[in-house]
PDB file of N, CA and C in Angstrom:
ATOM      1  N   UNK A   1     -13.560 -64.126  -4.715  1.00  0.00           N
ATOM      2  CA  UNK A   1     -12.214 -65.097  -4.752  1.00  0.00           C
ATOM      3  C   UNK A   1     -11.472 -64.223  -5.662  1.00  0.00           C
ATOM      4  N   UNK A   2     -10.182 -64.281  -4.896  1.00  0.00           N
ATOM      5  CA  UNK A   2      -8.966 -63.437  -5.304  1.00  0.00           C
ATOM      6  C   UNK A   2      -7.824 -64.517  -5.860  1.00  0.00           C
ATOM      7  N   UNK A   3      -7.461 -64.006  -7.006  1.00  0.00           N
ATOM      8  CA  UNK A   3      -6.156 -64.815  -7.865  1.00  0.00           C
ATOM      9  C   UNK A   3      -5.173 -64.879  -7.210  1.00  0.00           C
ATOM     10  N   UNK A   4      -4.273 -65.827  -6.890  1.00  0.00           N
ATOM     11  CA  UNK A   4      -3.325 -65.958  -6.460  1.00  0.00           C
ATOM     12  C   UNK A   4      -2.287 -67.088  -7.056  1.00  0.00           C
ATOM     13  N   UNK A   5      -1.171 -66.394  -7.736  1.00  0.00           N
ATOM     14  CA  UNK A   5      -0.645 -66.826  -9.077  1.00  0.00           C
ATOM     15  C   UNK A   5       0.241 -67.845  -7.956  1.00  0.00           C
ATOM     16  N   UNK A   6       1.149 -69.002  -8.516  1.00  0.00           N
ATOM     17  CA  UNK A   6       1.754 -69.443  -8.093  1.00  0.00           C
ATOM     18  C   UNK A   6       3.377 -69.070  -8.409  1.00  0.00           C
ATOM     19  N   UNK A   7       3.889 -69.058  -7.082  1.00  0.00           N
ATOM     20  CA  UNK A   7       5.392 -68.277  -7.189  1.00  0.00           C
ATOM     21  C   UNK A   7       6.585 -69.503  -7.970  1.00  0.00           C
ATOM     22  N   UNK A   8       6.375 -70.924  -8.051  1.00  0.00           N
ATOM     23  CA  UNK A   8       7.111 -71.312  -8.864  1.00  0.00           C
ATOM     24  C   UNK A   8       6.050 -72.767  -9.155  1.00  0.00           C
ATOM     25  N   UNK A   9       6.845 -73.427 -10.076  1.00  0.00           N
ATOM     26  CA  UNK A   9       6.431 -74.380 -10.998  1.00  0.00           C
ATOM     27  C   UNK A   9       5.831 -75.391 -10.436  1.00  0.00           C
ATOM     28  N   UNK A  10       6.197 -75.595  -8.997  1.00  0.00           N
ATOM     29  CA  UNK A  10       5.854 -76.679  -8.337  1.00  0.00           C
ATOM     30  C   UNK A  10       4.644 -76.553  -7.079  1.00  0.00           C
ATOM     31  N   UNK A  11       4.161 -75.381  -6.971  1.00  0.00           N
ATOM     32  CA  UNK A  11       3.325 -75.021  -5.950  1.00  0.00           C
ATOM     33  C   UNK A  11       1.948 -74.622  -6.316  1.00  0.00           C
ATOM     34  N   UNK A  12       1.199 -74.955  -7.770  1.00  0.00           N
ATOM     35  CA  UNK A  12       0.001 -75.070  -7.725  1.00  0.00           C
ATOM     36  C   UNK A  12      -0.936 -75.256  -6.808  1.00  0.00           C
ATOM     37  N   UNK A  13      -1.019 -76.738  -5.919  1.00  0.00           N
ATOM     38  CA  UNK A  13      -1.483 -76.617  -4.832  1.00  0.00           C
ATOM     39  C   UNK A  13      -1.609 -75.717  -3.854  1.00  0.00           C
ATOM     40  N   UNK A  14      -0.289 -75.469  -3.243  1.00  0.00           N
ATOM     41  CA  UNK A  14      -0.326 -74.512  -2.346  1.00  0.00           C
ATOM     42  C   UNK A  14      -1.236 -73.071  -2.606  1.00  0.00           C
ATOM     43  N   UNK A  15      -1.059 -72.570  -3.929  1.00  0.00           N
ATOM     44  CA  UNK A  15      -1.807 -71.162  -3.966  1.00  0.00           C
ATOM     45  C   UNK A  15      -2.868 -71.584  -4.406  1.00  0.00           C
ATOM     46  N   UNK A  16      -3.708 -72.883  -4.846  1.00  0.00           N
ATOM     47  CA  UNK A  16      -5.052 -73.081  -4.787  1.00  0.00           C
ATOM     48  C   UNK A  16      -5.607 -72.781  -3.214  1.00  0.00           C
ATOM     49  N   UNK A  17      -4.727 -73.773  -2.306  1.00  0.00           N
ATOM     50  CA  UNK A  17      -5.393 -73.606  -0.898  1.00  0.00           C
ATOM     51  C   UNK A  17      -5.305 -71.874  -0.361  1.00  0.00           C
ATOM     52  N   UNK A  18      -3.820 -71.413  -0.789  1.00  0.00           N
ATOM     53  CA  UNK A  18      -3.935 -69.881  -0.397  1.00  0.00           C
ATOM     54  C   UNK A  18      -5.562 -69.165  -0.630  1.00  0.00           C
ATOM     55  N   UNK A  19      -6.040 -69.617  -2.085  1.00  0.00           N
ATOM     56  CA  UNK A  19      -7.011 -68.891  -2.355  1.00  0.00           C
ATOM     57  C   UNK A  19      -8.058 -68.964  -1.579  1.00  0.00           C
ATOM     58  N   UNK A  20      -8.184 -70.035  -1.579  1.00  0.00           N
ATOM     59  CA  UNK A  20      -9.504 -70.655  -0.569  1.00  0.00           C
ATOM     60  C   UNK A  20      -9.535 -70.200   1.006  1.00  0.00           C
ATOM     61  N   UNK A  21      -8.040 -70.293   1.514  1.00  0.00           N
ATOM     62  CA  UNK A  21      -8.137 -70.102   2.707  1.00  0.00           C
ATOM     63  C   UNK A  21      -7.780 -68.762   3.083  1.00  0.00           C
ATOM     64  N   UNK A  22      -7.819 -67.894   1.869  1.00  0.00           N
ATOM     65  CA  UNK A  22      -7.401 -66.471   2.308  1.00  0.00           C
ATOM     66  C   UNK A  22      -6.002 -66.083   2.955  1.00  0.00           C
ATOM     67  N   UNK A  23      -5.114 -66.911   2.468  1.00  0.00           N
ATOM     68  CA  UNK A  23      -3.777 -66.586   2.939  1.00  0.00           C
ATOM     69  C   UNK A  23      -2.739 -66.693   2.243  1.00  0.00           C
ATOM     70  N   UNK A  24      -1.497 -66.152   2.336  1.00  0.00           N
ATOM     71  CA  UNK A  24      -0.539 -66.087   1.574  1.00  0.00           C
ATOM     72  C   UNK A  24       0.245 -67.335   0.838  1.00  0.00           C
ATOM     73  N   UNK A  25       0.404 -67.888  -0.335  1.00  0.00           N
ATOM     74  CA  UNK A  25       1.032 -68.967  -0.520  1.00  0.00           C
ATOM     75  C   UNK A  25       1.952 -69.368   0.582  1.00  0.00           C
ATOM     76  N   UNK A  26       2.799 -68.108   0.761  1.00  0.00           N
ATOM     77  CA  UNK A  26       4.136 -68.106   1.607  1.00  0.00           C
ATOM     78  C   UNK A  26       3.820 -69.230   3.180  1.00  0.00           C
ATOM     79  N   UNK A  27       2.971 -68.525   3.518  1.00  0.00           N
ATOM     80  CA  UNK A  27       1.994 -69.306   5.031  1.00  0.00           C
ATOM     81  C   UNK A  27       1.549 -70.673   4.674  1.00  0.00           C
ATOM     82  N   UNK A  28       0.787 -71.075   3.158  1.00  0.00           N
ATOM     83  CA  UNK A  28       0.528 -72.288   3.427  1.00  0.00           C
ATOM     84  C   UNK A  28       1.680 -73.303   3.224  1.00  0.00           C
ATOM     85  N   UNK A  29       2.677 -72.582   2.240  1.00  0.00           N
ATOM     86  CA  UNK A  29       4.087 -73.754   2.032  1.00  0.00           C
ATOM     87  C   UNK A  29       4.323 -73.780   3.399  1.00  0.00           C
ATOM     88  N   UNK A  30       4.588 -73.024   4.330  1.00  0.00           N
ATOM     89  CA  UNK A  30       5.400 -72.913   5.644  1.00  0.00           C
ATOM     90  C   UNK A  30       4.262 -74.200   6.330  1.00  0.00           C
ATOM     91  N   UNK A  31       2.845 -74.008   6.333  1.00  0.00           N
ATOM     92  CA  UNK A  31       1.861 -74.995   7.250  1.00  0.00           C
ATOM     93  C   UNK A  31       1.895 -76.160   6.593  1.00  0.00           C
ATOM     94  N   UNK A  32       2.007 -76.501   5.312  1.00  0.00           N
ATOM     95  CA  UNK A  32       2.200 -77.776   4.446  1.00  0.00           C
ATOM     96  C   UNK A  32       3.399 -78.469   4.830  1.00  0.00           C
ATOM     97  N   UNK A  33       4.461 -77.479   5.181  1.00  0.00           N
ATOM     98  CA  UNK A  33       5.923 -77.636   5.315  1.00  0.00           C
ATOM     99  C   UNK A  33       6.636 -78.587   3.686  1.00  0.00           C
ATOM    100  N   UNK A  34       6.043 -77.888   2.605  1.00  0.00           N
ATOM    101  CA  UNK A  34       6.185 -77.987   1.468  1.00  0.00           C
ATOM    102  C   UNK A  34       6.177 -77.318   0.349  1.00  0.00           C
ATOM    103  N   UNK A  35       7.220 -77.124  -0.530  1.00  0.00           N
ATOM    104  CA  UNK A  35       7.332 -76.244  -1.877  1.00  0.00           C
ATOM    105  C   UNK A  35       6.993 -77.240  -2.784  1.00  0.00           C
ATOM    106  N   UNK A  36       7.079 -78.133  -3.055  1.00  0.00           N
ATOM    107  CA  UNK A  36       7.163 -79.586  -3.863  1.00  0.00           C
ATOM    108  C   UNK A  36       5.618 -79.779  -4.493  1.00  0.00           C
ATOM    109  N   UNK A  37       5.534 -80.454  -5.271  1.00  0.00           N
ATOM    110  CA  UNK A  37       4.101 -81.118  -5.902  1.00  0.00           C
ATOM    111  C   UNK A  37       3.169 -81.551  -4.880  1.00  0.00           C
ATOM    112  N   UNK A  38       1.853 -81.689  -4.909  1.00  0.00           N
ATOM    113  CA  UNK A  38       1.695 -81.987  -3.635  1.00  0.00           C
ATOM    114  C   UNK A  38       0.233 -82.922  -4.400  1.00  0.00           C
ATOM    115  N   UNK A  39       0.212 -83.883  -3.235  1.00  0.00           N
ATOM    116  CA  UNK A  39      -0.927 -84.778  -3.606  1.00  0.00           C
ATOM    117  C   UNK A  39      -2.711 -84.399  -3.241  1.00  0.00           C
ATOM    118  N   UNK A  40      -3.460 -85.088  -3.893  1.00  0.00           N
ATOM    119  CA  UNK A  40      -4.968 -84.767  -3.080  1.00  0.00           C
ATOM    120  C   UNK A  40      -4.710 -84.874  -1.934  1.00  0.00           C
ATOM    121  N   UNK A  41      -4.080 -86.106  -1.196  1.00  0.00           N
ATOM    122  CA  UNK A  41      -4.403 -85.940   0.404  1.00  0.00           C
ATOM    123  C   UNK A  41      -3.552 -85.149   1.061  1.00  0.00           C
ATOM    124  N   UNK A  42      -2.375 -84.512   0.530  1.00  0.00           N
ATOM    125  CA  UNK A  42      -2.040 -83.224   1.205  1.00  0.00           C
ATOM    126  C   UNK A  42      -2.758 -81.878   0.998  1.00  0.00           C
ATOM    127  N   UNK A  43      -3.583 -81.901  -0.007  1.00  0.00           N
ATOM    128  CA  UNK A  43      -4.505 -80.793  -0.010  1.00  0.00           C
ATOM    129  C   UNK A  43      -5.419 -81.107   0.795  1.00  0.00           C
ATOM    130  N   UNK A  44      -6.124 -82.155   1.210  1.00  0.00           N
ATOM    131  CA  UNK A  44      -7.177 -82.166   2.096  1.00  0.00           C
ATOM    132  C   UNK A  44      -6.571 -81.883   3.325  1.00  0.00           C
ATOM    133  N   UNK A  45      -5.099 -82.791   3.588  1.00  0.00           N
ATOM    134  CA  UNK A  45      -4.952 -82.660   5.177  1.00  0.00           C
ATOM    135  C   UNK A  45      -5.154 -80.804   5.611  1.00  0.00           C
ATOM    136  N   UNK A  46      -4.590 -79.944   4.376  1.00  0.00           N
ATOM    137  CA  UNK A  46      -3.835 -78.735   4.942  1.00  0.00           C
ATOM    138  C   UNK A  46      -5.420 -78.127   4.809  1.00  0.00           C
ATOM    139  N   UNK A  47      -6.812 -78.290   3.725  1.00  0.00           N
ATOM    140  CA  UNK A  47      -8.167 -77.743   3.864  1.00  0.00           C
ATOM    141  C   UNK A  47      -8.463 -78.417   5.962  1.00  0.00           C
ATOM    142  N   UNK A  48      -8.244 -79.389   6.182  1.00  0.00           N
ATOM    143  CA  UNK A  48      -8.646 -79.871   7.454  1.00  0.00           C
ATOM    144  C   UNK A  48      -8.033 -78.954   8.459  1.00  0.00           C
ATOM    145  N   UNK A  49      -6.643 -79.062   8.001  1.00  0.00           N
ATOM    146  CA  UNK A  49      -6.012 -78.139   9.274  1.00  0.00           C
ATOM    147  C   UNK A  49      -6.116 -76.856   9.428  1.00  0.00           C
ATOM    148  N   UNK A  50      -6.979 -76.121   7.932  1.00  0.00           N
ATOM    149  CA  UNK A  50      -7.621 -74.854   8.226  1.00  0.00           C
ATOM    150  C   UNK A  50      -9.173 -74.730   8.596  1.00  0.00           C
ATOM    151  N   UNK A  51      -9.677 -75.812   8.638  1.00  0.00           N
ATOM    152  CA  UNK A  51     -11.155 -76.050   9.122  1.00  0.00           C
ATOM    153  C   UNK A  51     -12.031 -75.837   7.909  1.00  0.00           C
ATOM    154  N   UNK A  52     -11.483 -75.337   6.773  1.00  0.00           N
ATOM    155  CA  UNK A  52     -12.417 -75.879   5.313  1.00  0.00           C
ATOM    156  C   UNK A  52     -13.011 -77.236   4.862  1.00  0.00           C
ATOM    157  N   UNK A  53     -14.506 -77.014   5.140  1.00  0.00           N
ATOM    158  CA  UNK A  53     -15.232 -78.029   4.967  1.00  0.00           C
ATOM    159  C   UNK A  53     -15.193 -78.642   3.135  1.00  0.00           C
ATOM    160  N   UNK A  54     -15.001 -79.665   2.718  1.00  0.00           N
ATOM    161  CA  UNK A  54     -14.865 -80.329   1.399  1.00  0.00           C
ATOM    162  C   UNK A  54     -15.232 -81.648   1.694  1.00  0.00           C
ATOM    163  N   UNK A  55     -15.650 -82.374   0.234  1.00  0.00           N
ATOM    164  CA  UNK A  55     -16.020 -83.623  -0.026  1.00  0.00           C
ATOM    165  C   UNK A  55     -14.715 -84.560   0.684  1.00  0.00           C
ATOM    166  N   UNK A  56     -15.484 -86.036   1.197  1.00  0.00           N
ATOM    167  CA  UNK A  56     -14.204 -86.781   1.573  1.00  0.00           C
ATOM    168  C   UNK A  56     -13.346 -87.082   0.849  1.00  0.00           C
ATOM    169  N   UNK A  57     -13.615 -87.001  -0.757  1.00  0.00           N
ATOM    170  CA  UNK A  57     -12.437 -87.495  -1.608  1.00  0.00           C
ATOM    171  C   UNK A  57     -12.798 -86.681  -3.085  1.00  0.00           C
ATOM    172  N   UNK A  58     -11.888 -87.003  -4.005  1.00  0.00           N
ATOM    173  CA  UNK A  58     -11.989 -86.679  -5.287  1.00  0.00           C
ATOM    174  C   UNK A  58     -12.491 -87.206  -6.051  1.00  0.00           C
ATOM    175  N   UNK A  59     -13.682 -86.917  -6.882  1.00  0.00           N
ATOM    176  CA  UNK A  59     -14.979 -87.500  -7.631  1.00  0.00           C
ATOM    177  C   UNK A  59     -14.231 -87.259  -9.166  1.00  0.00           C
ATOM    178  N   UNK A  60     -14.380 -88.406  -9.812  1.00  0.00           N
ATOM    179  CA  UNK A  60     -13.652 -88.607 -11.385  1.00  0.00           C
ATOM    180  C   UNK A  60     -14.785 -87.688 -12.215  1.00  0.00           C
ATOM    181  N   UNK A  61     -14.298 -87.290 -13.127  1.00  0.00           N
ATOM    182  CA  UNK A  61     -15.500 -86.730 -14.044  1.00  0.00           C
ATOM    183  C   UNK A  61     -15.965 -87.761 -15.085  1.00  0.00           C
ATOM    184  N   UNK A  62     -17.403 -87.883 -14.937  1.00  0.00           N
ATOM    185  CA  UNK A  62     -17.733 -89.123 -15.241  1.00  0.00           C
ATOM    186  C   UNK A  62     -19.348 -88.921 -15.731  1.00  0.00           C
ATOM    187  N   UNK A  63     -20.100 -89.750 -16.410  1.00  0.00           N
ATOM    188  CA  UNK A  63     -21.415 -89.508 -16.707  1.00  0.00           C
ATOM    189  C   UNK A  63     -21.975 -89.128 -15.554  1.00  0.00           C
ATOM    190  N   UNK A  64     -21.942 -89.841 -14.174  1.00  0.00           N
ATOM    191  CA  UNK A  64     -22.583 -89.502 -13.006  1.00  0.00           C
ATOM    192  C   UNK A  64     -22.337 -88.230 -12.540  1.00  0.00           C
ATOM    193  N   UNK A  65     -20.922 -87.574 -12.931  1.00  0.00           N
ATOM    194  CA  UNK A  65     -20.304 -86.775 -12.185  1.00  0.00           C
ATOM    195  C   UNK A  65     -19.675 -85.802 -13.670  1.00  0.00           C
ATOM    196  N   UNK A  66     -20.705 -85.280 -14.329  1.00  0.00           N
ATOM    197  CA  UNK A  66     -20.175 -84.840 -15.406  1.00  0.00           C
ATOM    198  C   UNK A  66     -19.169 -82.992 -15.287  1.00  0.00           C
ATOM    199  N   UNK A  67     -19.726 -82.637 -14.466  1.00  0.00           N
ATOM    200  CA  UNK A  67     -19.348 -81.090 -14.258  1.00  0.00           C
ATOM    201  C   UNK A  67     -18.869 -80.841 -13.192  1.00  0.00           C
ATOM    202  N   UNK A  68     -17.803 -80.197 -12.374  1.00  0.00           N
ATOM    203  CA  UNK A  68     -17.371 -79.887 -11.215  1.00  0.00           C
ATOM    204  C   UNK A  68     -18.338 -79.394 -10.677  1.00  0.00           C
ATOM    205  N   UNK A  69     -18.533 -79.303  -9.118  1.00  0.00           N
ATOM    206  CA  UNK A  69     -19.032 -78.742  -7.882  1.00  0.00           C
ATOM    207  C   UNK A  69     -18.817 -76.961  -8.408  1.00  0.00           C
ATOM    208  N   UNK A  70     -19.991 -76.332  -7.823  1.00  0.00           N
ATOM    209  CA  UNK A  70     -19.551 -74.984  -8.226  1.00  0.00           C
ATOM    210  C   UNK A  70     -18.325 -74.178  -7.414  1.00  0.00           C
ATOM    211  N   UNK A  71     -17.676 -74.708  -6.527  1.00  0.00           N
ATOM    212  CA  UNK A  71     -16.956 -74.586  -6.273  1.00  0.00           C
ATOM    213  C   UNK A  71     -15.665 -75.514  -5.766  1.00  0.00           C
ATOM    214  N   UNK A  72     -14.642 -76.024  -6.581  1.00  0.00           N
ATOM    215  CA  UNK A  72     -13.899 -77.155  -6.210  1.00  0.00           C
ATOM    216  C   UNK A  72     -12.385 -76.661  -6.904  1.00  0.00           C
ATOM    217  N   UNK A  73     -11.494 -77.606  -6.272  1.00  0.00           N
ATOM    218  CA  UNK A  73     -10.324 -77.862  -6.799  1.00  0.00           C
ATOM    219  C   UNK A  73     -10.386 -78.858  -7.962  1.00  0.00           C
ATOM    220  N   UNK A  74      -9.972 -78.292  -8.879  1.00  0.00           N
ATOM    221  CA  UNK A  74      -9.838 -79.755  -9.984  1.00  0.00           C
ATOM    222  C   UNK A  74      -8.197 -79.968 -10.250  1.00  0.00           C
ATOM    223  N   UNK A  75      -8.526 -81.118 -10.695  1.00  0.00           N
ATOM    224  CA  UNK A  75      -7.280 -81.931 -10.987  1.00  0.00           C
ATOM    225  C   UNK A  75      -7.166 -81.777 -12.774  1.00  0.00           C
ATOM    226  N   UNK A  76      -6.226 -81.357 -13.200  1.00  0.00           N
ATOM    227  CA  UNK A  76      -6.062 -81.079 -14.639  1.00  0.00           C
ATOM    228  C   UNK A  76      -4.632 -81.799 -14.963  1.00  0.00           C
ATOM    229  N   UNK A  77      -5.137 -82.344 -16.303  1.00  0.00           N
ATOM    230  CA  UNK A  77      -3.881 -83.173 -17.225  1.00  0.00           C
ATOM    231  C   UNK A  77      -3.557 -81.851 -18.526  1.00  0.00           C
ATOM    232  N   UNK A  78      -2.478 -81.272 -18.152  1.00  0.00           N
ATOM    233  CA  UNK A  78      -2.380 -80.224 -18.685  1.00  0.00           C
ATOM    234  C   UNK A  78      -1.767 -80.418 -20.579  1.00  0.00           C
ATOM    235  N   UNK A  79      -2.106 -80.082 -21.258  1.00  0.00           N
ATOM    236  CA  UNK A  79      -1.809 -79.883 -22.975  1.00  0.00           C
ATOM    237  C   UNK A  79      -0.112 -80.066 -22.756  1.00  0.00           C
ATOM    238  N   UNK A  80       0.548 -79.802 -21.797  1.00  0.00           N
ATOM    239  CA  UNK A  80       2.295 -79.832 -21.634  1.00  0.00           C
ATOM    240  C   UNK A  80       2.317 -80.888 -20.902  1.00  0.00           C
ATOM    241  N   UNK A  81       1.412 -82.191 -20.724  1.00  0.00           N
ATOM    242  CA  UNK A  81       1.732 -83.394 -20.286  1.00  0.00           C
ATOM    243  C   UNK A  81       2.226 -83.779 -18.521  1.00  0.00           C
ATOM    244  N   UNK A  82       1.613 -82.433 -17.978  1.00  0.00           N
ATOM    245  CA  UNK A  82       1.904 -82.792 -16.536  1.00  0.00           C
ATOM    246  C   UNK A  82       0.256 -82.327 -15.796  1.00  0.00           C
ATOM    247  N   UNK A  83       0.529 -82.848 -14.579  1.00  0.00           N
ATOM    248  CA  UNK A  83      -0.714 -82.774 -13.585  1.00  0.00           C
ATOM    249  C   UNK A  83      -0.445 -81.320 -12.929  1.00  0.00           C
ATOM    250  N   UNK A  84      -1.721 -80.795 -12.904  1.00  0.00           N
ATOM    251  CA  UNK A  84      -2.143 -79.510 -12.410  1.00  0.00           C
ATOM    252  C   UNK A  84      -3.228 -79.252 -11.594  1.00  0.00           C
ATOM    253  N   UNK A  85      -3.129 -78.274 -10.411  1.00  0.00           N
ATOM    254  CA  UNK A  85      -4.128 -78.143  -9.623  1.00  0.00           C
ATOM    255  C   UNK A  85      -5.127 -76.512 -10.242  1.00  0.00           C
ATOM    256  N   UNK A  86      -6.002 -76.426 -10.190  1.00  0.00           N
ATOM    257  CA  UNK A  86      -6.989 -75.298 -10.441  1.00  0.00           C
ATOM    258  C   UNK A  86      -8.202 -74.936  -9.921  1.00  0.00           C
ATOM    259  N   UNK A  87      -8.484 -73.988  -9.224  1.00  0.00           N
ATOM    260  CA  UNK A  87      -9.374 -73.514  -8.563  1.00  0.00           C
ATOM    261  C   UNK A  87     -10.762 -73.137  -9.491  1.00  0.00           C
ATOM    262  N   UNK A  88     -11.980 -73.601  -9.441  1.00  0.00           N
ATOM    263  CA  UNK A  88     -12.815 -73.442 -10.296  1.00  0.00           C
ATOM    264  C   UNK A  88     -13.966 -72.594  -9.303  1.00  0.00           C
ATOM    265  N   UNK A  89     -14.700 -71.646  -9.551  1.00  0.00           N
ATOM    266  CA  UNK A  89     -15.255 -71.139  -8.394  1.00  0.00           C
ATOM    267  C   UNK A  89     -16.216 -70.000  -9.343  1.00  0.00           C
ATOM    268  N   UNK A  90     -18.014 -70.328  -9.158  1.00  0.00           N
ATOM    269  CA  UNK A  90     -18.726 -69.688  -9.860  1.00  0.00           C
ATOM    270  C   UNK A  90     -18.743 -69.658 -11.122  1.00  0.00           C
ATOM    271  N   UNK A  91     -17.942 -71.031 -11.628  1.00  0.00           N
ATOM    272  CA  UNK A  91     -18.386 -70.477 -13.499  1.00  0.00           C
ATOM    273  C   UNK A  91     -16.743 -70.157 -13.839  1.00  0.00           C
ATOM    274  N   UNK A  92     -15.939 -69.804 -13.083  1.00  0.00           N
ATOM    275  CA  UNK A  92     -14.896 -68.948 -13.658  1.00  0.00           C
ATOM    276  C   UNK A  92     -13.506 -70.075 -12.906  1.00  0.00           C
ATOM    277  N   UNK A  93     -12.463 -70.146 -13.775  1.00  0.00           N
ATOM    278  CA  UNK A  93     -11.126 -70.891 -13.548  1.00  0.00           C
ATOM    279  C   UNK A  93     -10.162 -69.805 -12.869  1.00  0.00           C
ATOM    280  N   UNK A  94     -10.036 -70.042 -11.679  1.00  0.00           N
ATOM    281  CA  UNK A  94      -8.742 -69.235 -10.933  1.00  0.00           C
ATOM    282  C   UNK A  94      -7.506 -70.209 -11.143  1.00  0.00           C
ATOM    283  N   UNK A  95      -6.737 -70.157 -12.099  1.00  0.00           N
ATOM    284  CA  UNK A  95      -5.789 -70.754 -12.309  1.00  0.00           C
ATOM    285  C   UNK A  95      -4.258 -70.289 -11.836  1.00  0.00           C
ATOM    286  N   UNK A  96      -3.696 -71.011 -10.993  1.00  0.00           N
ATOM    287  CA  UNK A  96      -2.612 -70.087 -10.538  1.00  0.00           C
ATOM    288  C   UNK A  96      -1.353 -70.323 -11.248  1.00  0.00           C
ATOM    289  N   UNK A  97      -1.334 -71.060 -12.257  1.00  0.00           N
ATOM    290  CA  UNK A  97      -0.102 -70.848 -13.189  1.00  0.00           C
ATOM    291  C   UNK A  97      -0.539 -70.069 -14.599  1.00  0.00           C
ATOM    292  N   UNK A  98      -1.857 -70.331 -15.166  1.00  0.00           N
ATOM    293  CA  UNK A  98      -2.632 -69.710 -16.446  1.00  0.00           C
ATOM    294  C   UNK A  98      -3.246 -68.504 -16.366  1.00  0.00           C
ATOM    295  N   UNK A  99      -3.579 -67.835 -14.906  1.00  0.00           N
ATOM    296  CA  UNK A  99      -4.690 -66.500 -14.722  1.00  0.00           C
ATOM    297  C   UNK A  99      -5.892 -67.172 -14.710  1.00  0.00           C
ATOM    298  N   UNK A 100      -6.472 -65.843 -14.465  1.00  0.00           N
ATOM    299  CA  UNK A 100      -8.274 -65.996 -14.955  1.00  0.00           C
ATOM    300  C   UNK A 100      -8.569 -66.491 -16.132  1.00  0.00           C
ATOM    301  N   UNK A 101      -9.520 -67.807 -16.204  1.00  0.00           N
ATOM    302  CA  UNK A 101      -9.778 -68.051 -17.339  1.00  0.00           C
ATOM    303  C   UNK A 101     -11.738 -68.161 -17.086  1.00  0.00           C
ATOM    304  N   UNK A 102     -12.318 -67.526 -18.269  1.00  0.00           N
ATOM    305  CA  UNK A 102     -13.271 -67.557 -18.112  1.00  0.00           C
ATOM    306  C   UNK A 102     -13.799 -68.369 -19.345  1.00  0.00           C
ATOM    307  N   UNK A 103     -15.082 -68.896 -19.025  1.00  0.00           N
ATOM    308  CA  UNK A 103     -15.556 -69.478 -20.655  1.00  0.00           C
ATOM    309  C   UNK A 103     -14.991 -70.992 -20.473  1.00  0.00           C
ATOM    310  N   UNK A 104     -14.615 -71.578 -21.395  1.00  0.00           N
ATOM    311  CA  UNK A 104     -13.890 -73.060 -21.773  1.00  0.00           C
ATOM    312  C   UNK A 104     -12.519 -72.777 -21.247  1.00  0.00           C
ATOM    313  N   UNK A 105     -12.267 -73.726 -20.412  1.00  0.00           N
ATOM    314  CA  UNK A 105     -10.742 -74.341 -20.004  1.00  0.00           C
ATOM    315  C   UNK A 105     -10.114 -74.780 -21.338  1.00  0.00           C
ATOM    316  N   UNK A 106      -9.234 -74.394 -21.446  1.00  0.00           N
ATOM    317  CA  UNK A 106      -8.415 -74.783 -22.741  1.00  0.00           C
ATOM    318  C   UNK A 106      -6.969 -75.395 -22.395  1.00  0.00           C
ATOM    319  N   UNK A 107      -6.500 -75.433 -21.037  1.00  0.00           N
ATOM    320  CA  UNK A 107      -4.915 -75.532 -20.860  1.00  0.00           C
ATOM    321  C   UNK A 107      -4.848 -76.996 -20.651  1.00  0.00           C
ATOM    322  N   UNK A 108      -5.848 -78.036 -20.727  1.00  0.00           N
ATOM    323  CA  UNK A 108      -5.702 -79.255 -20.483  1.00  0.00           C
ATOM    324  C   UNK A 108      -6.911 -79.888 -20.139  1.00  0.00           C
ATOM    325  N   UNK A 109      -7.266 -81.091 -19.889  1.00  0.00           N
ATOM    326  CA  UNK A 109      -8.235 -81.832 -19.479  1.00  0.00           C
ATOM    327  C   UNK A 109      -8.368 -81.809 -18.006  1.00  0.00           C
ATOM    328  N   UNK A 110      -9.765 -81.252 -17.785  1.00  0.00           N
ATOM    329  CA  UNK A 110     -10.462 -82.088 -16.077  1.00  0.00           C
ATOM    330  C   UNK A 110     -10.697 -83.365 -15.945  1.00  0.00           C
ATOM    331  N   UNK A 111     -10.054 -83.793 -15.083  1.00  0.00           N
ATOM    332  CA  UNK A 111     -10.189 -85.435 -14.927  1.00  0.00           C
ATOM    333  C   UNK A 111     -10.942 -85.422 -13.845  1.00  0.00           C
ATOM    334  N   UNK A 112     -10.987 -84.674 -12.699  1.00  0.00           N
ATOM    335  CA  UNK A 112     -11.689 -84.898 -11.366  1.00  0.00           C
ATOM    336  C   UNK A 112     -11.738 -83.639 -10.409  1.00  0.00           C
ATOM    337  N   UNK A 113     -12.162 -83.651  -9.195  1.00  0.00           N
ATOM    338  CA  UNK A 113     -12.711 -82.273  -8.365  1.00  0.00           C
ATOM    339  C   UNK A 113     -12.844 -82.877  -7.528  1.00  0.00           C
ATOM    340  N   UNK A 114     -12.255 -81.687  -6.249  1.00  0.00           N
ATOM    341  CA  UNK A 114     -12.817 -82.095  -4.972  1.00  0.00           C
ATOM    342  C   UNK A 114     -13.733 -80.872  -4.282  1.00  0.00           C
ATOM    343  N   UNK A 115     -15.002 -81.086  -3.830  1.00  0.00           N
ATOM    344  CA  UNK A 115     -16.255 -80.161  -3.538  1.00  0.00           C
ATOM    345  C   UNK A 115     -15.099 -79.472  -2.279  1.00  0.00           C
ATOM    346  N   UNK A 116     -15.751 -78.279  -2.661  1.00  0.00           N
ATOM    347  CA  UNK A 116     -15.308 -77.445  -1.450  1.00  0.00           C
ATOM    348  C   UNK A 116     -16.589 -76.381  -1.124  1.00  0.00           C
ATOM    349  N   UNK A 117     -16.711 -76.954   0.282  1.00  0.00           N
ATOM    350  CA  UNK A 117     -18.373 -76.259   0.764  1.00  0.00           C
ATOM    351  C   UNK A 117     -18.185 -75.073   1.634  1.00  0.00           C
ATOM    352  N   UNK A 118     -19.182 -74.121   1.108  1.00  0.00           N
ATOM    353  CA  UNK A 118     -18.917 -72.551   1.656  1.00  0.00           C
ATOM    354  C   UNK A 118     -19.916 -73.025   2.608  1.00  0.00           C
ATOM    355  N   UNK A 119     -19.736 -72.158   3.736  1.00  0.00           N
ATOM    356  CA  UNK A 119     -20.760 -72.532   4.784  1.00  0.00           C
ATOM    357  C   UNK A 119     -22.277 -71.996   4.826  1.00  0.00           C
TER     358      UNK A 119
END
């Protein structure tokens, strides 16, 4: 996985998709037709558009699902008070705003995740 930083404050979702799809953020923005903040529905639509396999829906972190799948898009409620998308891959966080995070994630609370399936 190669870390891609988000070009603006509102393109973390597009940057996560760019990392997964191995495309530029600009290409993802063009294909999504937005450089605005994104919903989980929009992320699922673009994953489908690119033919990337994923879970049907976001799963909340809970006793039943205490940790994200080894390859997931995470929903983070940041310490600064906004919602943010981050990519989790093999125990590391590829955060398009804060950079590569190894070990404990300290930029906010992870509340849910969307599993991405590698072929």
